[in-house]
Amino acid sequence: MEGVLSQQKPAEISSLASHEGKYLTFVLGDEEYGIEILKVREIIGVMAITPVPQSPNYIKGVINLRGKVIPVVDLRLKFGFPEKEHTKETCIIVVEVNNILTGVIVDTVSEVLDIATEDMEPSPHFGQDIDTDVFLGIAKIKNKVKILLDIDKVLRQEEIGMTGNFTEAC
């Protein structure tokens, strides 16, 4: 592992070190992703979602969670994956982004991992057509690759702000 770190620029190592810590990992399709655990408020089963008119297809609507109305985003659709019928393993991860609670639908939650700097690599560059700002990096744990997401950038405020206005009116 030390060889991998020595091939990286000091700025990349510093950036990776700032992202080490605990991550909640989950599955979408065949891939595993991670969100910083400090952003996660709770994990709940899929419940009745009230659609919000004129919202993008990946915004499934809003839920009433103990008296709070929060928007729900389907990460499969947000990432351009095909929609999949919910199973008993499908769940909603409630995250806090800029003091706003938002639910994200995932196929299944895996585990909480402690990811060290030496387990991480910077996000690869896929060309200018792919927004890699949403990735914090790539973790290599037990011969598996996990894509670490910057949930603040995945759930850009201007996008969920449409449902935020709706939830404030409720």
N, C-alpha and C. Protein backbone atom coordinates (compact mmCIF):
# COMPACT_ATOMS: atom_id res chain seq x y z
N MET A 1 0.81 -1.20 0.00
CA MET A 1 0.00 0.00 0.00
C MET A 1 0.85 1.26 0.00
N GLU A 2 1.97 1.23 0.68
CA GLU A 2 2.81 2.41 0.78
C GLU A 2 3.27 2.86 -0.61
N GLY A 3 3.47 1.91 -1.52
CA GLY A 3 3.87 2.24 -2.87
C GLY A 3 2.83 3.06 -3.59
N VAL A 4 1.56 2.76 -3.35
CA VAL A 4 0.48 3.51 -3.98
C VAL A 4 0.50 4.95 -3.49
N LEU A 5 0.63 5.16 -2.17
CA LEU A 5 0.66 6.51 -1.63
C LEU A 5 1.86 7.29 -2.14
N SER A 6 3.00 6.64 -2.28
CA SER A 6 4.19 7.35 -2.72
C SER A 6 4.07 7.81 -4.17
N GLN A 7 3.18 7.21 -4.96
CA GLN A 7 2.99 7.60 -6.35
C GLN A 7 2.06 8.80 -6.47
N GLN A 8 1.39 9.17 -5.38
CA GLN A 8 0.43 10.26 -5.43
C GLN A 8 1.10 11.57 -5.04
N LYS A 9 0.52 12.66 -5.54
CA LYS A 9 1.02 13.99 -5.22
C LYS A 9 0.69 14.32 -3.77
N PRO A 10 1.51 15.16 -3.11
CA PRO A 10 1.24 15.54 -1.71
C PRO A 10 -0.16 16.11 -1.51
N ALA A 11 -0.66 16.90 -2.46
CA ALA A 11 -2.01 17.48 -2.34
C ALA A 11 -3.06 16.38 -2.34
N GLU A 12 -2.87 15.35 -3.18
CA GLU A 12 -3.83 14.24 -3.22
C GLU A 12 -3.82 13.47 -1.90
N ILE A 13 -2.64 13.23 -1.34
CA ILE A 13 -2.54 12.51 -0.07
C ILE A 13 -3.22 13.31 1.03
N SER A 14 -2.98 14.62 1.05
CA SER A 14 -3.59 15.49 2.06
C SER A 14 -5.12 15.46 1.93
N SER A 15 -5.61 15.51 0.70
CA SER A 15 -7.05 15.47 0.46
C SER A 15 -7.64 14.13 0.92
N LEU A 16 -6.95 13.04 0.61
CA LEU A 16 -7.42 11.72 1.03
C LEU A 16 -7.43 11.61 2.55
N ALA A 17 -6.38 12.11 3.19
CA ALA A 17 -6.30 12.03 4.65
C ALA A 17 -7.47 12.76 5.30
N SER A 18 -7.93 13.85 4.67
CA SER A 18 -9.04 14.59 5.24
C SER A 18 -10.36 13.82 5.13
N HIS A 19 -10.38 12.77 4.32
CA HIS A 19 -11.60 11.98 4.13
C HIS A 19 -11.56 10.63 4.85
N GLU A 20 -10.48 10.33 5.55
CA GLU A 20 -10.46 9.05 6.24
C GLU A 20 -11.45 9.10 7.41
N GLY A 21 -11.98 7.92 7.77
CA GLY A 21 -12.94 7.87 8.87
C GLY A 21 -13.96 6.77 8.64
N LYS A 22 -15.09 6.89 9.32
CA LYS A 22 -16.14 5.88 9.22
C LYS A 22 -17.12 6.22 8.11
N TYR A 23 -17.48 5.18 7.36
CA TYR A 23 -18.41 5.32 6.25
C TYR A 23 -19.49 4.26 6.35
N LEU A 24 -20.73 4.66 6.07
CA LEU A 24 -21.82 3.71 5.92
C LEU A 24 -21.78 3.26 4.46
N THR A 25 -21.64 1.96 4.23
CA THR A 25 -21.59 1.46 2.86
C THR A 25 -22.94 0.87 2.49
N PHE A 26 -23.26 0.99 1.21
CA PHE A 26 -24.53 0.50 0.69
C PHE A 26 -24.35 0.07 -0.75
N VAL A 27 -25.35 -0.63 -1.26
CA VAL A 27 -25.28 -1.20 -2.61
C VAL A 27 -26.32 -0.53 -3.51
N LEU A 28 -25.88 -0.23 -4.73
CA LEU A 28 -26.75 0.18 -5.83
C LEU A 28 -26.36 -0.70 -7.01
N GLY A 29 -27.25 -1.53 -7.46
CA GLY A 29 -26.91 -2.45 -8.54
C GLY A 29 -25.85 -3.43 -8.08
N ASP A 30 -24.73 -3.47 -8.79
CA ASP A 30 -23.63 -4.37 -8.44
C ASP A 30 -22.49 -3.65 -7.73
N GLU A 31 -22.65 -2.37 -7.45
CA GLU A 31 -21.55 -1.58 -6.90
C GLU A 31 -21.81 -1.18 -5.45
N GLU A 32 -20.72 -1.02 -4.70
CA GLU A 32 -20.81 -0.56 -3.32
C GLU A 32 -20.34 0.88 -3.22
N TYR A 33 -21.05 1.64 -2.44
CA TYR A 33 -20.77 3.05 -2.23
C TYR A 33 -20.64 3.32 -0.74
N GLY A 34 -20.07 4.45 -0.39
CA GLY A 34 -19.95 4.84 1.00
C GLY A 34 -20.29 6.30 1.20
N ILE A 35 -20.92 6.60 2.35
CA ILE A 35 -21.23 7.97 2.76
C ILE A 35 -20.60 8.17 4.13
N GLU A 36 -20.00 9.33 4.34
CA GLU A 36 -19.44 9.63 5.66
C GLU A 36 -20.52 9.43 6.73
N ILE A 37 -20.21 8.67 7.76
CA ILE A 37 -21.18 8.31 8.78
C ILE A 37 -21.71 9.55 9.51
N LEU A 38 -20.91 10.60 9.59
CA LEU A 38 -21.35 11.82 10.27
C LEU A 38 -22.50 12.51 9.56
N LYS A 39 -22.71 12.20 8.28
CA LYS A 39 -23.82 12.78 7.52
C LYS A 39 -25.11 11.97 7.69
N VAL A 40 -24.99 10.73 8.18
CA VAL A 40 -26.15 9.84 8.28
C VAL A 40 -26.87 10.08 9.60
N ARG A 41 -28.18 10.28 9.54
CA ARG A 41 -29.00 10.47 10.74
C ARG A 41 -29.69 9.17 11.15
N GLU A 42 -30.19 8.42 10.18
CA GLU A 42 -30.81 7.13 10.48
C GLU A 42 -31.07 6.36 9.19
N ILE A 43 -31.41 5.09 9.39
CA ILE A 43 -31.76 4.21 8.26
C ILE A 43 -33.15 3.67 8.56
N ILE A 44 -34.05 3.81 7.58
CA ILE A 44 -35.43 3.35 7.77
C ILE A 44 -35.84 2.50 6.58
N GLY A 45 -36.87 1.70 6.77
CA GLY A 45 -37.44 0.94 5.66
C GLY A 45 -38.20 1.88 4.74
N VAL A 46 -38.45 1.41 3.54
CA VAL A 46 -39.22 2.22 2.59
C VAL A 46 -40.64 2.36 3.12
N MET A 47 -41.14 3.57 3.08
CA MET A 47 -42.49 3.86 3.55
C MET A 47 -43.25 4.59 2.46
N ALA A 48 -44.50 4.93 2.73
CA ALA A 48 -45.31 5.63 1.73
C ALA A 48 -44.66 6.97 1.39
N ILE A 49 -44.46 7.20 0.10
CA ILE A 49 -43.83 8.43 -0.39
C ILE A 49 -44.89 9.21 -1.17
N THR A 50 -45.08 10.46 -0.81
CA THR A 50 -46.04 11.32 -1.49
C THR A 50 -45.33 12.02 -2.64
N PRO A 51 -45.78 11.76 -3.89
CA PRO A 51 -45.11 12.40 -5.04
C PRO A 51 -45.27 13.92 -5.00
N VAL A 52 -44.27 14.63 -5.52
CA VAL A 52 -44.31 16.08 -5.63
C VAL A 52 -44.39 16.42 -7.11
N PRO A 53 -45.44 17.13 -7.52
CA PRO A 53 -45.59 17.46 -8.95
C PRO A 53 -44.42 18.28 -9.48
N GLN A 54 -44.11 18.09 -10.74
CA GLN A 54 -43.11 18.85 -11.48
C GLN A 54 -41.71 18.74 -10.90
N SER A 55 -41.39 17.60 -10.31
CA SER A 55 -40.03 17.38 -9.81
C SER A 55 -39.34 16.38 -10.73
N PRO A 56 -37.99 16.39 -10.76
CA PRO A 56 -37.27 15.43 -11.59
C PRO A 56 -37.63 13.99 -11.21
N ASN A 57 -37.45 13.05 -12.14
CA ASN A 57 -37.86 11.67 -11.89
C ASN A 57 -37.13 11.02 -10.72
N TYR A 58 -35.91 11.46 -10.40
CA TYR A 58 -35.17 10.86 -9.30
C TYR A 58 -35.64 11.36 -7.93
N ILE A 59 -36.39 12.46 -7.90
CA ILE A 59 -36.99 12.91 -6.64
C ILE A 59 -38.33 12.20 -6.54
N LYS A 60 -38.39 11.21 -5.66
CA LYS A 60 -39.58 10.36 -5.56
C LYS A 60 -40.72 11.06 -4.85
N GLY A 61 -40.42 12.08 -4.05
CA GLY A 61 -41.46 12.82 -3.33
C GLY A 61 -41.01 13.13 -1.92
N VAL A 62 -41.96 13.12 -0.99
CA VAL A 62 -41.66 13.43 0.41
C VAL A 62 -42.27 12.37 1.31
N ILE A 63 -41.66 12.22 2.50
CA ILE A 63 -42.21 11.34 3.52
C ILE A 63 -42.40 12.14 4.80
N ASN A 64 -43.30 11.65 5.64
CA ASN A 64 -43.51 12.24 6.95
C ASN A 64 -42.80 11.34 7.95
N LEU A 65 -41.68 11.83 8.46
CA LEU A 65 -40.88 11.06 9.40
C LEU A 65 -41.00 11.70 10.78
N ARG A 66 -41.83 11.10 11.61
CA ARG A 66 -42.08 11.61 12.96
C ARG A 66 -42.39 13.10 12.97
N GLY A 67 -43.30 13.51 12.09
CA GLY A 67 -43.74 14.90 12.06
C GLY A 67 -42.91 15.82 11.19
N LYS A 68 -41.78 15.33 10.65
CA LYS A 68 -40.97 16.13 9.74
C LYS A 68 -41.19 15.64 8.32
N VAL A 69 -41.46 16.55 7.42
CA VAL A 69 -41.62 16.20 6.02
C VAL A 69 -40.26 16.36 5.35
N ILE A 70 -39.74 15.25 4.77
CA ILE A 70 -38.42 15.32 4.15
C ILE A 70 -38.47 14.79 2.72
N PRO A 71 -37.69 15.40 1.81
CA PRO A 71 -37.65 14.92 0.43
C PRO A 71 -36.91 13.58 0.35
N VAL A 72 -37.29 12.79 -0.66
CA VAL A 72 -36.67 11.48 -0.87
C VAL A 72 -36.16 11.40 -2.32
N VAL A 73 -34.87 11.05 -2.45
CA VAL A 73 -34.22 10.92 -3.75
C VAL A 73 -33.87 9.46 -3.97
N ASP A 74 -34.19 8.94 -5.15
CA ASP A 74 -33.82 7.58 -5.53
C ASP A 74 -32.42 7.66 -6.16
N LEU A 75 -31.40 7.16 -5.45
CA LEU A 75 -30.02 7.27 -5.96
C LEU A 75 -29.82 6.50 -7.26
N ARG A 76 -30.57 5.40 -7.44
CA ARG A 76 -30.44 4.66 -8.71
C ARG A 76 -30.75 5.59 -9.88
N LEU A 77 -31.88 6.31 -9.78
CA LEU A 77 -32.30 7.19 -10.86
C LEU A 77 -31.38 8.41 -10.96
N LYS A 78 -30.95 8.93 -9.83
CA LYS A 78 -30.04 10.09 -9.81
C LYS A 78 -28.75 9.77 -10.56
N PHE A 79 -28.27 8.53 -10.42
CA PHE A 79 -27.04 8.13 -11.08
C PHE A 79 -27.26 7.57 -12.48
N GLY A 80 -28.50 7.58 -12.96
CA GLY A 80 -28.78 7.12 -14.31
C GLY A 80 -28.94 5.61 -14.45
N PHE A 81 -29.10 4.90 -13.33
CA PHE A 81 -29.32 3.45 -13.37
C PHE A 81 -30.80 3.20 -13.62
N PRO A 82 -31.14 2.01 -14.12
CA PRO A 82 -32.56 1.71 -14.32
C PRO A 82 -33.29 1.58 -12.97
N GLU A 83 -34.56 1.96 -13.00
CA GLU A 83 -35.37 1.84 -11.78
C GLU A 83 -35.56 0.36 -11.46
N LYS A 84 -35.63 0.06 -10.17
CA LYS A 84 -35.77 -1.33 -9.73
C LYS A 84 -36.88 -1.38 -8.69
N GLU A 85 -37.67 -2.43 -8.76
CA GLU A 85 -38.73 -2.59 -7.78
C GLU A 85 -38.12 -2.76 -6.39
N HIS A 86 -38.75 -2.15 -5.40
CA HIS A 86 -38.24 -2.23 -4.04
C HIS A 86 -38.41 -3.64 -3.48
N THR A 87 -37.43 -4.07 -2.69
CA THR A 87 -37.47 -5.36 -2.02
C THR A 87 -37.50 -5.12 -0.52
N LYS A 88 -37.50 -6.19 0.25
CA LYS A 88 -37.47 -6.03 1.71
C LYS A 88 -36.12 -5.45 2.18
N GLU A 89 -35.10 -5.51 1.33
CA GLU A 89 -33.79 -4.97 1.68
C GLU A 89 -33.63 -3.50 1.28
N THR A 90 -34.52 -3.01 0.41
CA THR A 90 -34.46 -1.61 -0.01
C THR A 90 -34.70 -0.74 1.22
N CYS A 91 -33.92 0.33 1.36
CA CYS A 91 -34.14 1.19 2.51
C CYS A 91 -33.84 2.64 2.15
N ILE A 92 -34.19 3.49 3.08
CA ILE A 92 -33.95 4.93 2.94
C ILE A 92 -32.91 5.32 3.99
N ILE A 93 -31.82 5.91 3.51
CA ILE A 93 -30.82 6.46 4.41
C ILE A 93 -31.14 7.94 4.55
N VAL A 94 -31.41 8.37 5.77
CA VAL A 94 -31.70 9.78 6.02
C VAL A 94 -30.38 10.47 6.33
N VAL A 95 -30.04 11.46 5.49
CA VAL A 95 -28.80 12.19 5.63
C VAL A 95 -29.10 13.66 5.90
N GLU A 96 -28.12 14.33 6.50
CA GLU A 96 -28.27 15.77 6.72
C GLU A 96 -27.27 16.49 5.84
N VAL A 97 -27.80 17.34 4.97
CA VAL A 97 -26.98 18.13 4.05
C VAL A 97 -27.37 19.59 4.24
N ASN A 98 -26.43 20.41 4.64
CA ASN A 98 -26.70 21.84 4.89
C ASN A 98 -27.90 22.03 5.82
N ASN A 99 -27.93 21.29 6.91
CA ASN A 99 -28.98 21.37 7.92
C ASN A 99 -30.36 20.96 7.41
N ILE A 100 -30.42 20.27 6.29
CA ILE A 100 -31.70 19.78 5.75
C ILE A 100 -31.64 18.27 5.69
N LEU A 101 -32.66 17.62 6.24
CA LEU A 101 -32.74 16.16 6.18
C LEU A 101 -33.28 15.76 4.81
N THR A 102 -32.65 14.75 4.22
CA THR A 102 -33.08 14.21 2.94
C THR A 102 -32.94 12.70 3.00
N GLY A 103 -33.91 12.00 2.44
CA GLY A 103 -33.83 10.55 2.36
C GLY A 103 -33.29 10.12 1.02
N VAL A 104 -32.41 9.12 1.01
CA VAL A 104 -31.92 8.56 -0.24
C VAL A 104 -32.25 7.07 -0.26
N ILE A 105 -32.89 6.64 -1.33
CA ILE A 105 -33.27 5.23 -1.48
C ILE A 105 -32.09 4.46 -2.05
N VAL A 106 -31.72 3.36 -1.38
CA VAL A 106 -30.64 2.49 -1.85
C VAL A 106 -31.14 1.05 -1.86
N ASP A 107 -30.45 0.19 -2.63
CA ASP A 107 -30.87 -1.21 -2.74
C ASP A 107 -30.75 -1.94 -1.41
N THR A 108 -29.63 -1.76 -0.74
CA THR A 108 -29.42 -2.38 0.57
C THR A 108 -28.25 -1.71 1.27
N VAL A 109 -28.29 -1.69 2.59
CA VAL A 109 -27.18 -1.16 3.37
C VAL A 109 -26.25 -2.32 3.69
N SER A 110 -24.93 -2.08 3.61
CA SER A 110 -23.95 -3.14 3.85
C SER A 110 -23.44 -3.12 5.27
N GLU A 111 -22.55 -2.13 5.58
CA GLU A 111 -21.92 -2.10 6.90
C GLU A 111 -21.28 -0.73 7.11
N VAL A 112 -20.81 -0.51 8.33
CA VAL A 112 -20.03 0.68 8.64
C VAL A 112 -18.56 0.27 8.61
N LEU A 113 -17.76 0.98 7.82
CA LEU A 113 -16.34 0.68 7.69
C LEU A 113 -15.50 1.84 8.16
N ASP A 114 -14.37 1.52 8.78
CA ASP A 114 -13.38 2.52 9.14
C ASP A 114 -12.36 2.53 8.01
N ILE A 115 -12.32 3.60 7.24
CA ILE A 115 -11.45 3.65 6.06
C ILE A 115 -10.27 4.57 6.34
N ALA A 116 -9.07 4.02 6.21
CA ALA A 116 -7.83 4.76 6.45
C ALA A 116 -7.31 5.35 5.14
N THR A 117 -6.45 6.34 5.26
CA THR A 117 -5.88 7.00 4.09
C THR A 117 -5.21 6.01 3.15
N GLU A 118 -4.49 5.02 3.71
CA GLU A 118 -3.78 4.08 2.84
C GLU A 118 -4.72 3.15 2.07
N ASP A 119 -6.01 3.12 2.44
CA ASP A 119 -7.00 2.31 1.72
C ASP A 119 -7.68 3.10 0.61
N MET A 120 -7.32 4.38 0.47
CA MET A 120 -8.01 5.26 -0.47
C MET A 120 -7.13 5.68 -1.64
N GLU A 121 -7.81 5.96 -2.74
CA GLU A 121 -7.17 6.55 -3.91
C GLU A 121 -8.06 7.68 -4.39
N PRO A 122 -7.47 8.67 -5.06
CA PRO A 122 -8.31 9.75 -5.59
C PRO A 122 -9.27 9.20 -6.66
N SER A 123 -10.33 9.94 -6.90
CA SER A 123 -11.28 9.55 -7.94
C SER A 123 -10.59 9.58 -9.29
N PRO A 124 -10.82 8.57 -10.10
CA PRO A 124 -10.25 8.60 -11.45
C PRO A 124 -10.93 9.68 -12.30
N HIS A 125 -10.24 10.16 -13.30
CA HIS A 125 -10.81 11.15 -14.20
C HIS A 125 -11.36 10.42 -15.42
N PHE A 126 -12.66 10.65 -15.68
CA PHE A 126 -13.33 9.94 -16.77
C PHE A 126 -13.54 10.84 -17.98
N GLY A 127 -13.00 12.03 -17.97
CA GLY A 127 -13.23 12.97 -19.05
C GLY A 127 -14.16 14.07 -18.57
N GLN A 128 -14.31 15.08 -19.40
CA GLN A 128 -15.05 16.26 -18.96
C GLN A 128 -16.55 16.07 -18.94
N ASP A 129 -17.09 15.02 -19.54
CA ASP A 129 -18.53 14.81 -19.55
C ASP A 129 -19.06 14.17 -18.27
N ILE A 130 -18.16 13.68 -17.42
CA ILE A 130 -18.59 13.00 -16.20
C ILE A 130 -18.19 13.84 -15.00
N ASP A 131 -19.18 14.14 -14.14
CA ASP A 131 -18.96 14.96 -12.96
C ASP A 131 -18.36 14.11 -11.85
N THR A 132 -17.06 14.23 -11.64
CA THR A 132 -16.40 13.45 -10.58
C THR A 132 -16.35 14.21 -9.26
N ASP A 133 -16.94 15.41 -9.22
CA ASP A 133 -16.99 16.18 -7.97
C ASP A 133 -17.79 15.45 -6.90
N VAL A 134 -18.68 14.56 -7.30
CA VAL A 134 -19.53 13.87 -6.32
C VAL A 134 -18.77 12.74 -5.61
N PHE A 135 -17.55 12.44 -6.04
CA PHE A 135 -16.75 11.38 -5.42
C PHE A 135 -15.70 11.98 -4.49
N LEU A 136 -15.60 11.42 -3.29
CA LEU A 136 -14.50 11.79 -2.39
C LEU A 136 -13.25 11.01 -2.74
N GLY A 137 -13.45 9.81 -3.27
CA GLY A 137 -12.34 8.94 -3.62
C GLY A 137 -12.82 7.51 -3.77
N ILE A 138 -11.87 6.62 -3.92
CA ILE A 138 -12.15 5.20 -4.08
C ILE A 138 -11.44 4.47 -2.94
N ALA A 139 -12.18 3.60 -2.25
CA ALA A 139 -11.57 2.81 -1.16
C ALA A 139 -11.41 1.38 -1.65
N LYS A 140 -10.29 0.78 -1.27
CA LYS A 140 -10.03 -0.62 -1.59
C LYS A 140 -9.97 -1.39 -0.27
N ILE A 141 -11.02 -2.14 -0.01
CA ILE A 141 -11.14 -2.88 1.24
C ILE A 141 -11.41 -4.35 0.92
N LYS A 142 -10.60 -5.25 1.45
CA LYS A 142 -10.78 -6.69 1.26
C LYS A 142 -10.96 -7.05 -0.22
N ASN A 143 -10.08 -6.52 -1.07
CA ASN A 143 -10.09 -6.78 -2.51
C ASN A 143 -11.37 -6.32 -3.21
N LYS A 144 -12.12 -5.40 -2.59
CA LYS A 144 -13.30 -4.82 -3.21
C LYS A 144 -13.12 -3.32 -3.30
N VAL A 145 -13.72 -2.75 -4.33
CA VAL A 145 -13.67 -1.31 -4.52
C VAL A 145 -14.98 -0.70 -4.04
N LYS A 146 -14.88 0.37 -3.27
CA LYS A 146 -16.06 1.09 -2.79
C LYS A 146 -15.91 2.54 -3.20
N ILE A 147 -16.93 3.08 -3.82
CA ILE A 147 -16.91 4.46 -4.29
C ILE A 147 -17.42 5.34 -3.15
N LEU A 148 -16.58 6.25 -2.69
CA LEU A 148 -16.95 7.13 -1.58
C LEU A 148 -17.57 8.41 -2.14
N LEU A 149 -18.79 8.68 -1.70
CA LEU A 149 -19.56 9.80 -2.24
C LEU A 149 -19.48 11.03 -1.35
N ASP A 150 -19.45 12.18 -1.98
CA ASP A 150 -19.62 13.45 -1.28
C ASP A 150 -21.11 13.75 -1.34
N ILE A 151 -21.84 13.34 -0.32
CA ILE A 151 -23.30 13.42 -0.35
C ILE A 151 -23.78 14.86 -0.47
N ASP A 152 -23.00 15.83 0.01
CA ASP A 152 -23.37 17.23 -0.16
C ASP A 152 -23.45 17.60 -1.64
N LYS A 153 -22.54 17.06 -2.43
CA LYS A 153 -22.53 17.38 -3.85
C LYS A 153 -23.49 16.49 -4.64
N VAL A 154 -23.73 15.27 -4.17
CA VAL A 154 -24.71 14.40 -4.83
C VAL A 154 -26.10 15.04 -4.72
N LEU A 155 -26.39 15.56 -3.53
CA LEU A 155 -27.69 16.18 -3.28
C LEU A 155 -27.55 17.70 -3.30
N ARG A 156 -27.21 18.22 -4.45
CA ARG A 156 -27.01 19.66 -4.57
C ARG A 156 -28.29 20.38 -4.15
N GLN A 157 -28.12 21.44 -3.40
CA GLN A 157 -29.25 22.13 -2.79
C GLN A 157 -30.25 22.67 -3.80
N GLU A 158 -29.76 23.14 -4.94
CA GLU A 158 -30.71 23.70 -5.91
C GLU A 158 -31.66 22.63 -6.44
N GLU A 159 -31.21 21.36 -6.44
CA GLU A 159 -32.06 20.29 -6.94
C GLU A 159 -33.12 19.90 -5.91
N ILE A 160 -32.70 19.69 -4.66
CA ILE A 160 -33.69 19.29 -3.67
C ILE A 160 -34.42 20.49 -3.10
N GLY A 161 -33.97 21.70 -3.46
CA GLY A 161 -34.65 22.91 -3.02
C GLY A 161 -36.08 22.97 -3.53
N MET A 162 -36.34 22.34 -4.67
CA MET A 162 -37.70 22.32 -5.20
C MET A 162 -38.65 21.66 -4.20
N THR A 163 -38.23 20.53 -3.64
CA THR A 163 -39.09 19.87 -2.67
C THR A 163 -38.97 20.54 -1.32
N GLY A 164 -37.83 21.20 -1.06
CA GLY A 164 -37.67 21.92 0.21
C GLY A 164 -38.73 23.01 0.36
N ASN A 165 -39.04 23.71 -0.73
CA ASN A 165 -40.09 24.73 -0.69
C ASN A 165 -41.43 24.10 -0.39
N PHE A 166 -41.67 22.94 -0.95
CA PHE A 166 -42.92 22.22 -0.72
C PHE A 166 -43.03 21.79 0.74
N THR A 167 -41.92 21.27 1.30
CA THR A 167 -41.96 20.78 2.68
C THR A 167 -42.15 21.91 3.67
N GLU A 168 -41.64 23.11 3.35
CA GLU A 168 -41.82 24.24 4.26
C GLU A 168 -43.27 24.66 4.32
N ALA A 169 -44.00 24.47 3.20
CA ALA A 169 -45.40 24.86 3.15
C ALA A 169 -46.30 23.89 3.91
N CYS A 170 -45.80 22.67 4.14
CA CYS A 170 -46.64 21.64 4.78
C CYS A 170 -46.76 21.84 6.27
